[in-house]
Amino acid sequence: MNVKEVKDGVILEAYVKPKSRQFSIEFKNDEIVIRCTEPPVKGRANKEIEKELSKLFKTKATIMSGHTSPCKRILIYGLNFENVKQTILNLKKK
């Protein structure tokens, strides 16, 4: 799981698969995989990712890099490594 704590919060590195049946976060070979329902057209998939991660972590989430790539770096504001790790591990158990 590639998660790095920075001054403003935590940066997640994730691989995105657009046009999936439902939004989900999975783990494959210790890598975060985000499946989103929107197509990668005009930033629609990016907007969905930011919205859904903001809901999940109950704070603002912004894509820092990878706007046109399936590999994204996403900043989760105001949280520390342990908060993010625990939320992600709870998803993994479901």
PDB file of N, CA and C in Angstrom:
ATOM      1  N   MET A   1       0.862  -1.173   0.000  1.00  0.00           N
ATOM      2  CA  MET A   1       0.000   0.000   0.000  1.00  0.00           C
ATOM      3  C   MET A   1       0.899   1.224   0.000  1.00  0.00           C
ATOM      4  N   ASN A   2       0.805   2.038  -1.032  1.00  0.00           N
ATOM      5  CA  ASN A   2       1.677   3.187  -1.142  1.00  0.00           C
ATOM      6  C   ASN A   2       0.967   4.433  -0.615  1.00  0.00           C
ATOM      7  N   VAL A   3       1.224   4.748   0.658  1.00  0.00           N
ATOM      8  CA  VAL A   3       0.618   5.880   1.334  1.00  0.00           C
ATOM      9  C   VAL A   3       1.750   6.669   1.981  1.00  0.00           C
ATOM     10  N   LYS A   4       1.752   7.984   1.758  1.00  0.00           N
ATOM     11  CA  LYS A   4       2.832   8.823   2.280  1.00  0.00           C
ATOM     12  C   LYS A   4       2.242  10.021   3.012  1.00  0.00           C
ATOM     13  N   GLU A   5       2.714  10.272   4.231  1.00  0.00           N
ATOM     14  CA  GLU A   5       2.234  11.412   5.001  1.00  0.00           C
ATOM     15  C   GLU A   5       3.016  12.666   4.600  1.00  0.00           C
ATOM     16  N   VAL A   6       2.277  13.763   4.364  1.00  0.00           N
ATOM     17  CA  VAL A   6       2.869  15.051   4.014  1.00  0.00           C
ATOM     18  C   VAL A   6       2.280  16.124   4.933  1.00  0.00           C
ATOM     19  N   LYS A   7       2.747  17.362   4.782  1.00  0.00           N
ATOM     20  CA  LYS A   7       2.317  18.450   5.657  1.00  0.00           C
ATOM     21  C   LYS A   7       0.794  18.643   5.663  1.00  0.00           C
ATOM     22  N   ASP A   8       0.155  18.593   4.488  1.00  0.00           N
ATOM     23  CA  ASP A   8      -1.284  18.875   4.382  1.00  0.00           C
ATOM     24  C   ASP A   8      -2.180  17.667   4.647  1.00  0.00           C
ATOM     25  N   GLY A   9      -1.611  16.473   4.710  1.00  0.00           N
ATOM     26  CA  GLY A   9      -2.428  15.274   4.894  1.00  0.00           C
ATOM     27  C   GLY A   9      -1.666  14.035   4.479  1.00  0.00           C
ATOM     28  N   VAL A  10      -2.301  13.224   3.631  1.00  0.00           N
ATOM     29  CA  VAL A  10      -1.714  11.962   3.192  1.00  0.00           C
ATOM     30  C   VAL A  10      -1.895  11.820   1.683  1.00  0.00           C
ATOM     31  N   ILE A  11      -0.851  11.333   1.005  1.00  0.00           N
ATOM     32  CA  ILE A  11      -0.939  11.083  -0.432  1.00  0.00           C
ATOM     33  C   ILE A  11      -1.040   9.585  -0.673  1.00  0.00           C
ATOM     34  N   LEU A  12      -2.090   9.196  -1.418  1.00  0.00           N
ATOM     35  CA  LEU A  12      -2.282   7.805  -1.836  1.00  0.00           C
ATOM     36  C   LEU A  12      -1.829   7.671  -3.282  1.00  0.00           C
ATOM     37  N   GLU A  13      -1.167   6.597  -3.590  1.00  0.00           N
ATOM     38  CA  GLU A  13      -0.878   6.282  -4.983  1.00  0.00           C
ATOM     39  C   GLU A  13      -1.788   5.136  -5.364  1.00  0.00           C
ATOM     40  N   ALA A  14      -2.563   5.329  -6.417  1.00  0.00           N
ATOM     41  CA  ALA A  14      -3.565   4.329  -6.799  1.00  0.00           C
ATOM     42  C   ALA A  14      -3.612   4.161  -8.310  1.00  0.00           C
ATOM     43  N   TYR A  15      -4.052   2.993  -8.722  1.00  0.00           N
ATOM     44  CA  TYR A  15      -4.296   2.692 -10.127  1.00  0.00           C
ATOM     45  C   TYR A  15      -5.810   2.742 -10.329  1.00  0.00           C
ATOM     46  N   VAL A  16      -6.266   3.447 -11.357  1.00  0.00           N
ATOM     47  CA  VAL A  16      -7.704   3.648 -11.580  1.00  0.00           C
ATOM     48  C   VAL A  16      -8.169   2.866 -12.800  1.00  0.00           C
ATOM     49  N   LYS A  17      -9.298   2.176 -12.626  1.00  0.00           N
ATOM     50  CA  LYS A  17      -9.950   1.469 -13.728  1.00  0.00           C
ATOM     51  C   LYS A  17     -11.324   2.107 -13.939  1.00  0.00           C
ATOM     52  N   PRO A  18     -11.476   2.928 -14.983  1.00  0.00           N
ATOM     53  CA  PRO A  18     -12.767   3.594 -15.231  1.00  0.00           C
ATOM     54  C   PRO A  18     -13.791   2.648 -15.863  1.00  0.00           C
ATOM     55  N   LYS A  19     -15.017   3.137 -15.961  1.00  0.00           N
ATOM     56  CA  LYS A  19     -16.147   2.424 -16.581  1.00  0.00           C
ATOM     57  C   LYS A  19     -16.412   1.054 -15.950  1.00  0.00           C
ATOM     58  N   SER A  20     -16.332   0.981 -14.631  1.00  0.00           N
ATOM     59  CA  SER A  20     -16.659  -0.254 -13.913  1.00  0.00           C
ATOM     60  C   SER A  20     -18.141  -0.239 -13.553  1.00  0.00           C
ATOM     61  N   ARG A  21     -18.641  -1.369 -13.121  1.00  0.00           N
ATOM     62  CA  ARG A  21     -20.074  -1.446 -12.768  1.00  0.00           C
ATOM     63  C   ARG A  21     -20.415  -0.616 -11.547  1.00  0.00           C
ATOM     64  N   GLN A  22     -19.510  -0.612 -10.554  1.00  0.00           N
ATOM     65  CA  GLN A  22     -19.745   0.194  -9.357  1.00  0.00           C
ATOM     66  C   GLN A  22     -18.425   0.697  -8.817  1.00  0.00           C
ATOM     67  N   PHE A  23     -18.500   1.783  -8.038  1.00  0.00           N
ATOM     68  CA  PHE A  23     -17.287   2.349  -7.455  1.00  0.00           C
ATOM     69  C   PHE A  23     -16.800   1.426  -6.350  1.00  0.00           C
ATOM     70  N   SER A  24     -15.501   1.130  -6.357  1.00  0.00           N
ATOM     71  CA  SER A  24     -14.932   0.307  -5.294  1.00  0.00           C
ATOM     72  C   SER A  24     -13.435   0.568  -5.183  1.00  0.00           C
ATOM     73  N   ILE A  25     -12.901   0.200  -4.033  1.00  0.00           N
ATOM     74  CA  ILE A  25     -11.464   0.267  -3.803  1.00  0.00           C
ATOM     75  C   ILE A  25     -11.013  -1.140  -3.476  1.00  0.00           C
ATOM     76  N   GLU A  26     -10.019  -1.624  -4.211  1.00  0.00           N
ATOM     77  CA  GLU A  26      -9.523  -2.989  -4.037  1.00  0.00           C
ATOM     78  C   GLU A  26      -8.018  -2.959  -3.805  1.00  0.00           C
ATOM     79  N   PHE A  27      -7.490  -4.119  -3.454  1.00  0.00           N
ATOM     80  CA  PHE A  27      -6.058  -4.264  -3.238  1.00  0.00           C
ATOM     81  C   PHE A  27      -5.564  -5.438  -4.049  1.00  0.00           C
ATOM     82  N   LYS A  28      -4.603  -5.184  -4.902  1.00  0.00           N
ATOM     83  CA  LYS A  28      -4.000  -6.248  -5.705  1.00  0.00           C
ATOM     84  C   LYS A  28      -2.491  -6.118  -5.578  1.00  0.00           C
ATOM     85  N   ASN A  29      -1.859  -7.176  -5.095  1.00  0.00           N
ATOM     86  CA  ASN A  29      -0.400  -7.178  -4.922  1.00  0.00           C
ATOM     87  C   ASN A  29       0.076  -5.954  -4.140  1.00  0.00           C
ATOM     88  N   ASP A  30      -0.617  -5.658  -3.038  1.00  0.00           N
ATOM     89  CA  ASP A  30      -0.287  -4.542  -2.161  1.00  0.00           C
ATOM     90  C   ASP A  30      -0.389  -3.182  -2.860  1.00  0.00           C
ATOM     91  N   GLU A  31      -1.223  -3.098  -3.893  1.00  0.00           N
ATOM     92  CA  GLU A  31      -1.443  -1.860  -4.633  1.00  0.00           C
ATOM     93  C   GLU A  31      -2.916  -1.481  -4.517  1.00  0.00           C
ATOM     94  N   ILE A  32      -3.185  -0.196  -4.383  1.00  0.00           N
ATOM     95  CA  ILE A  32      -4.563   0.281  -4.297  1.00  0.00           C
ATOM     96  C   ILE A  32      -5.118   0.418  -5.714  1.00  0.00           C
ATOM     97  N   VAL A  33      -6.270  -0.213  -5.957  1.00  0.00           N
ATOM     98  CA  VAL A  33      -6.942  -0.129  -7.257  1.00  0.00           C
ATOM     99  C   VAL A  33      -8.326   0.473  -7.024  1.00  0.00           C
ATOM    100  N   ILE A  34      -8.587   1.584  -7.701  1.00  0.00           N
ATOM    101  CA  ILE A  34      -9.883   2.254  -7.587  1.00  0.00           C
ATOM    102  C   ILE A  34     -10.667   1.986  -8.867  1.00  0.00           C
ATOM    103  N   ARG A  35     -11.844   1.406  -8.713  1.00  0.00           N
ATOM    104  CA  ARG A  35     -12.737   1.182  -9.851  1.00  0.00           C
ATOM    105  C   ARG A  35     -13.821   2.255  -9.777  1.00  0.00           C
ATOM    106  N   CYS A  36     -13.955   3.024 -10.863  1.00  0.00           N
ATOM    107  CA  CYS A  36     -14.988   4.065 -10.883  1.00  0.00           C
ATOM    108  C   CYS A  36     -15.940   3.823 -12.048  1.00  0.00           C
ATOM    109  N   THR A  37     -17.145   4.335 -11.921  1.00  0.00           N
ATOM    110  CA  THR A  37     -18.187   4.062 -12.912  1.00  0.00           C
ATOM    111  C   THR A  37     -18.120   5.001 -14.112  1.00  0.00           C
ATOM    112  N   GLU A  38     -17.551   6.174 -13.932  1.00  0.00           N
ATOM    113  CA  GLU A  38     -17.509   7.171 -15.005  1.00  0.00           C
ATOM    114  C   GLU A  38     -16.417   6.845 -16.026  1.00  0.00           C
ATOM    115  N   PRO A  39     -16.634   7.256 -17.286  1.00  0.00           N
ATOM    116  CA  PRO A  39     -15.583   7.083 -18.298  1.00  0.00           C
ATOM    117  C   PRO A  39     -14.507   8.164 -18.126  1.00  0.00           C
ATOM    118  N   PRO A  40     -13.313   7.917 -18.639  1.00  0.00           N
ATOM    119  CA  PRO A  40     -12.239   8.908 -18.512  1.00  0.00           C
ATOM    120  C   PRO A  40     -12.347  10.014 -19.557  1.00  0.00           C
ATOM    121  N   VAL A  41     -13.474  10.695 -19.568  1.00  0.00           N
ATOM    122  CA  VAL A  41     -13.742  11.729 -20.559  1.00  0.00           C
ATOM    123  C   VAL A  41     -14.018  13.048 -19.833  1.00  0.00           C
ATOM    124  N   LYS A  42     -13.311  14.106 -20.226  1.00  0.00           N
ATOM    125  CA  LYS A  42     -13.516  15.449 -19.673  1.00  0.00           C
ATOM    126  C   LYS A  42     -13.448  15.484 -18.149  1.00  0.00           C
ATOM    127  N   GLY A  43     -12.589  14.645 -17.568  1.00  0.00           N
ATOM    128  CA  GLY A  43     -12.370  14.662 -16.125  1.00  0.00           C
ATOM    129  C   GLY A  43     -13.477  14.049 -15.289  1.00  0.00           C
ATOM    130  N   ARG A  44     -14.417  13.372 -15.923  1.00  0.00           N
ATOM    131  CA  ARG A  44     -15.551  12.805 -15.175  1.00  0.00           C
ATOM    132  C   ARG A  44     -15.103  11.739 -14.186  1.00  0.00           C
ATOM    133  N   ALA A  45     -14.176  10.876 -14.596  1.00  0.00           N
ATOM    134  CA  ALA A  45     -13.679   9.835 -13.679  1.00  0.00           C
ATOM    135  C   ALA A  45     -12.940  10.478 -12.510  1.00  0.00           C
ATOM    136  N   ASN A  46     -12.139  11.496 -12.784  1.00  0.00           N
ATOM    137  CA  ASN A  46     -11.398  12.187 -11.723  1.00  0.00           C
ATOM    138  C   ASN A  46     -12.348  12.828 -10.712  1.00  0.00           C
ATOM    139  N   LYS A  47     -13.395  13.459 -11.202  1.00  0.00           N
ATOM    140  CA  LYS A  47     -14.372  14.090 -10.308  1.00  0.00           C
ATOM    141  C   LYS A  47     -15.050  13.044  -9.424  1.00  0.00           C
ATOM    142  N   GLU A  48     -15.390  11.892 -10.016  1.00  0.00           N
ATOM    143  CA  GLU A  48     -16.023  10.833  -9.231  1.00  0.00           C
ATOM    144  C   GLU A  48     -15.072  10.327  -8.141  1.00  0.00           C
ATOM    145  N   ILE A  49     -13.808  10.149  -8.484  1.00  0.00           N
ATOM    146  CA  ILE A  49     -12.822   9.672  -7.507  1.00  0.00           C
ATOM    147  C   ILE A  49     -12.708  10.657  -6.347  1.00  0.00           C
ATOM    148  N   GLU A  50     -12.577  11.939  -6.652  1.00  0.00           N
ATOM    149  CA  GLU A  50     -12.467  12.954  -5.598  1.00  0.00           C
ATOM    150  C   GLU A  50     -13.715  12.969  -4.715  1.00  0.00           C
ATOM    151  N   LYS A  51     -14.877  12.883  -5.326  1.00  0.00           N
ATOM    152  CA  LYS A  51     -16.142  12.898  -4.575  1.00  0.00           C
ATOM    153  C   LYS A  51     -16.264  11.682  -3.661  1.00  0.00           C
ATOM    154  N   GLU A  52     -16.015  10.500  -4.207  1.00  0.00           N
ATOM    155  CA  GLU A  52     -16.180   9.271  -3.426  1.00  0.00           C
ATOM    156  C   GLU A  52     -15.132   9.149  -2.312  1.00  0.00           C
ATOM    157  N   LEU A  53     -13.899   9.539  -2.593  1.00  0.00           N
ATOM    158  CA  LEU A  53     -12.871   9.487  -1.542  1.00  0.00           C
ATOM    159  C   LEU A  53     -13.140  10.529  -0.467  1.00  0.00           C
ATOM    160  N   SER A  54     -13.663  11.683  -0.851  1.00  0.00           N
ATOM    161  CA  SER A  54     -14.047  12.697   0.144  1.00  0.00           C
ATOM    162  C   SER A  54     -15.127  12.158   1.072  1.00  0.00           C
ATOM    163  N   LYS A  55     -16.082  11.427   0.504  1.00  0.00           N
ATOM    164  CA  LYS A  55     -17.137  10.803   1.317  1.00  0.00           C
ATOM    165  C   LYS A  55     -16.554   9.747   2.255  1.00  0.00           C
ATOM    166  N   LEU A  56     -15.690   8.896   1.708  1.00  0.00           N
ATOM    167  CA  LEU A  56     -15.103   7.803   2.483  1.00  0.00           C
ATOM    168  C   LEU A  56     -14.289   8.314   3.668  1.00  0.00           C
ATOM    169  N   PHE A  57     -13.431   9.304   3.430  1.00  0.00           N
ATOM    170  CA  PHE A  57     -12.544   9.799   4.481  1.00  0.00           C
ATOM    171  C   PHE A  57     -13.134  10.979   5.250  1.00  0.00           C
ATOM    172  N   LYS A  58     -14.300  11.467   4.824  1.00  0.00           N
ATOM    173  CA  LYS A  58     -15.001  12.586   5.469  1.00  0.00           C
ATOM    174  C   LYS A  58     -14.132  13.846   5.528  1.00  0.00           C
ATOM    175  N   THR A  59     -13.384  14.070   4.463  1.00  0.00           N
ATOM    176  CA  THR A  59     -12.563  15.260   4.304  1.00  0.00           C
ATOM    177  C   THR A  59     -12.261  15.439   2.816  1.00  0.00           C
ATOM    178  N   LYS A  60     -11.716  16.589   2.456  1.00  0.00           N
ATOM    179  CA  LYS A  60     -11.449  16.881   1.046  1.00  0.00           C
ATOM    180  C   LYS A  60     -10.360  15.960   0.479  1.00  0.00           C
ATOM    181  N   ALA A  61     -10.574  15.490  -0.749  1.00  0.00           N
ATOM    182  CA  ALA A  61      -9.599  14.678  -1.476  1.00  0.00           C
ATOM    183  C   ALA A  61      -9.385  15.320  -2.844  1.00  0.00           C
ATOM    184  N   THR A  62      -8.125  15.459  -3.248  1.00  0.00           N
ATOM    185  CA  THR A  62      -7.790  16.099  -4.517  1.00  0.00           C
ATOM    186  C   THR A  62      -6.743  15.274  -5.257  1.00  0.00           C
ATOM    187  N   ILE A  63      -6.940  15.107  -6.552  1.00  0.00           N
ATOM    188  CA  ILE A  63      -5.937  14.425  -7.373  1.00  0.00           C
ATOM    189  C   ILE A  63      -4.795  15.401  -7.602  1.00  0.00           C
ATOM    190  N   MET A  64      -3.602  14.999  -7.166  1.00  0.00           N
ATOM    191  CA  MET A  64      -2.418  15.858  -7.283  1.00  0.00           C
ATOM    192  C   MET A  64      -1.715  15.667  -8.631  1.00  0.00           C
ATOM    193  N   SER A  65      -1.636  14.417  -9.088  1.00  0.00           N
ATOM    194  CA  SER A  65      -1.002  14.149 -10.377  1.00  0.00           C
ATOM    195  C   SER A  65      -1.641  12.920 -11.000  1.00  0.00           C
ATOM    196  N   GLY A  66      -1.486  12.797 -12.319  1.00  0.00           N
ATOM    197  CA  GLY A  66      -2.067  11.677 -13.035  1.00  0.00           C
ATOM    198  C   GLY A  66      -3.446  11.968 -13.582  1.00  0.00           C
ATOM    199  N   HIS A  67      -3.731  13.231 -13.855  1.00  0.00           N
ATOM    200  CA  HIS A  67      -5.065  13.610 -14.347  1.00  0.00           C
ATOM    201  C   HIS A  67      -5.444  12.899 -15.644  1.00  0.00           C
ATOM    202  N   THR A  68      -4.465  12.583 -16.476  1.00  0.00           N
ATOM    203  CA  THR A  68      -4.761  11.904 -17.742  1.00  0.00           C
ATOM    204  C   THR A  68      -4.178  10.496 -17.783  1.00  0.00           C
ATOM    205  N   SER A  69      -3.802   9.987 -16.636  1.00  0.00           N
ATOM    206  CA  SER A  69      -3.172   8.672 -16.534  1.00  0.00           C
ATOM    207  C   SER A  69      -3.977   7.788 -15.582  1.00  0.00           C
ATOM    208  N   PRO A  70      -3.911   6.469 -15.737  1.00  0.00           N
ATOM    209  CA  PRO A  70      -4.589   5.604 -14.770  1.00  0.00           C
ATOM    210  C   PRO A  70      -3.865   5.550 -13.422  1.00  0.00           C
ATOM    211  N   CYS A  71      -2.608   5.972 -13.376  1.00  0.00           N
ATOM    212  CA  CYS A  71      -1.858   6.017 -12.108  1.00  0.00           C
ATOM    213  C   CYS A  71      -2.005   7.413 -11.512  1.00  0.00           C
ATOM    214  N   LYS A  72      -2.608   7.485 -10.336  1.00  0.00           N
ATOM    215  CA  LYS A  72      -2.928   8.774  -9.724  1.00  0.00           C
ATOM    216  C   LYS A  72      -2.270   8.910  -8.361  1.00  0.00           C
ATOM    217  N   ARG A  73      -1.963  10.164  -8.007  1.00  0.00           N
ATOM    218  CA  ARG A  73      -1.531  10.519  -6.660  1.00  0.00           C
ATOM    219  C   ARG A  73      -2.616  11.425  -6.104  1.00  0.00           C
ATOM    220  N   ILE A  74      -3.231  10.995  -5.003  1.00  0.00           N
ATOM    221  CA  ILE A  74      -4.404  11.676  -4.460  1.00  0.00           C
ATOM    222  C   ILE A  74      -4.101  12.151  -3.054  1.00  0.00           C
ATOM    223  N   LEU A  75      -4.300  13.440  -2.805  1.00  0.00           N
ATOM    224  CA  LEU A  75      -4.065  14.021  -1.485  1.00  0.00           C
ATOM    225  C   LEU A  75      -5.355  13.988  -0.683  1.00  0.00           C
ATOM    226  N   ILE A  76      -5.292  13.360   0.490  1.00  0.00           N
ATOM    227  CA  ILE A  76      -6.410  13.346   1.438  1.00  0.00           C
ATOM    228  C   ILE A  76      -6.041  14.356   2.528  1.00  0.00           C
ATOM    229  N   TYR A  77      -6.760  15.472   2.596  1.00  0.00           N
ATOM    230  CA  TYR A  77      -6.409  16.567   3.497  1.00  0.00           C
ATOM    231  C   TYR A  77      -6.726  16.265   4.956  1.00  0.00           C
ATOM    232  N   GLY A  78      -5.835  16.751   5.838  1.00  0.00           N
ATOM    233  CA  GLY A  78      -6.111  16.782   7.273  1.00  0.00           C
ATOM    234  C   GLY A  78      -6.052  15.462   8.010  1.00  0.00           C
ATOM    235  N   LEU A  79      -5.639  14.396   7.349  1.00  0.00           N
ATOM    236  CA  LEU A  79      -5.545  13.106   8.033  1.00  0.00           C
ATOM    237  C   LEU A  79      -4.085  12.686   8.136  1.00  0.00           C
ATOM    238  N   ASN A  80      -3.816  11.754   9.049  1.00  0.00           N
ATOM    239  CA  ASN A  80      -2.463  11.217   9.138  1.00  0.00           C
ATOM    240  C   ASN A  80      -2.433   9.800   8.571  1.00  0.00           C
ATOM    241  N   PHE A  81      -1.264   9.250   8.501  1.00  0.00           N
ATOM    242  CA  PHE A  81      -1.069   7.926   7.911  1.00  0.00           C
ATOM    243  C   PHE A  81      -1.948   6.882   8.587  1.00  0.00           C
ATOM    244  N   GLU A  82      -1.999   6.898   9.914  1.00  0.00           N
ATOM    245  CA  GLU A  82      -2.768   5.884  10.651  1.00  0.00           C
ATOM    246  C   GLU A  82      -4.261   5.961  10.344  1.00  0.00           C
ATOM    247  N   ASN A  83      -4.830   7.186  10.253  1.00  0.00           N
ATOM    248  CA  ASN A  83      -6.255   7.336   9.920  1.00  0.00           C
ATOM    249  C   ASN A  83      -6.567   6.703   8.568  1.00  0.00           C
ATOM    250  N   VAL A  84      -5.755   7.021   7.577  1.00  0.00           N
ATOM    251  CA  VAL A  84      -5.975   6.520   6.221  1.00  0.00           C
ATOM    252  C   VAL A  84      -5.771   5.010   6.170  1.00  0.00           C
ATOM    253  N   LYS A  85      -4.708   4.542   6.792  1.00  0.00           N
ATOM    254  CA  LYS A  85      -4.404   3.105   6.807  1.00  0.00           C
ATOM    255  C   LYS A  85      -5.563   2.322   7.425  1.00  0.00           C
ATOM    256  N   GLN A  86      -6.091   2.809   8.561  1.00  0.00           N
ATOM    257  CA  GLN A  86      -7.184   2.116   9.233  1.00  0.00           C
ATOM    258  C   GLN A  86      -8.440   2.084   8.376  1.00  0.00           C
ATOM    259  N   THR A  87      -8.768   3.188   7.725  1.00  0.00           N
ATOM    260  CA  THR A  87      -9.945   3.240   6.852  1.00  0.00           C
ATOM    261  C   THR A  87      -9.790   2.261   5.694  1.00  0.00           C
ATOM    262  N   ILE A  88      -8.611   2.233   5.099  1.00  0.00           N
ATOM    263  CA  ILE A  88      -8.359   1.333   3.974  1.00  0.00           C
ATOM    264  C   ILE A  88      -8.393  -0.128   4.421  1.00  0.00           C
ATOM    265  N   LEU A  89      -7.808  -0.422   5.569  1.00  0.00           N
ATOM    266  CA  LEU A  89      -7.809  -1.795   6.069  1.00  0.00           C
ATOM    267  C   LEU A  89      -9.223  -2.245   6.416  1.00  0.00           C
ATOM    268  N   ASN A  90     -10.065  -1.350   6.906  1.00  0.00           N
ATOM    269  CA  ASN A  90     -11.462  -1.686   7.189  1.00  0.00           C
ATOM    270  C   ASN A  90     -12.197  -2.038   5.893  1.00  0.00           C
ATOM    271  N   LEU A  91     -11.876  -1.354   4.796  1.00  0.00           N
ATOM    272  CA  LEU A  91     -12.474  -1.682   3.502  1.00  0.00           C
ATOM    273  C   LEU A  91     -12.020  -3.065   3.049  1.00  0.00           C
ATOM    274  N   LYS A  92     -10.778  -3.366   3.294  1.00  0.00           N
ATOM    275  CA  LYS A  92     -10.190  -4.636   2.881  1.00  0.00           C
ATOM    276  C   LYS A  92     -10.892  -5.827   3.538  1.00  0.00           C
ATOM    277  N   LYS A  93     -11.364  -5.624   4.777  1.00  0.00           N
ATOM    278  CA  LYS A  93     -12.030  -6.695   5.538  1.00  0.00           C
ATOM    279  C   LYS A  93     -13.429  -6.980   5.027  1.00  0.00           C
ATOM    280  N   LYS A  94     -14.056  -5.991   4.389  1.00  0.00           N
ATOM    281  CA  LYS A  94     -15.447  -6.157   3.931  1.00  0.00           C
ATOM    282  C   LYS A  94     -15.542  -7.043   2.728  1.00  0.00           C
TER     283      LYS A  94
END
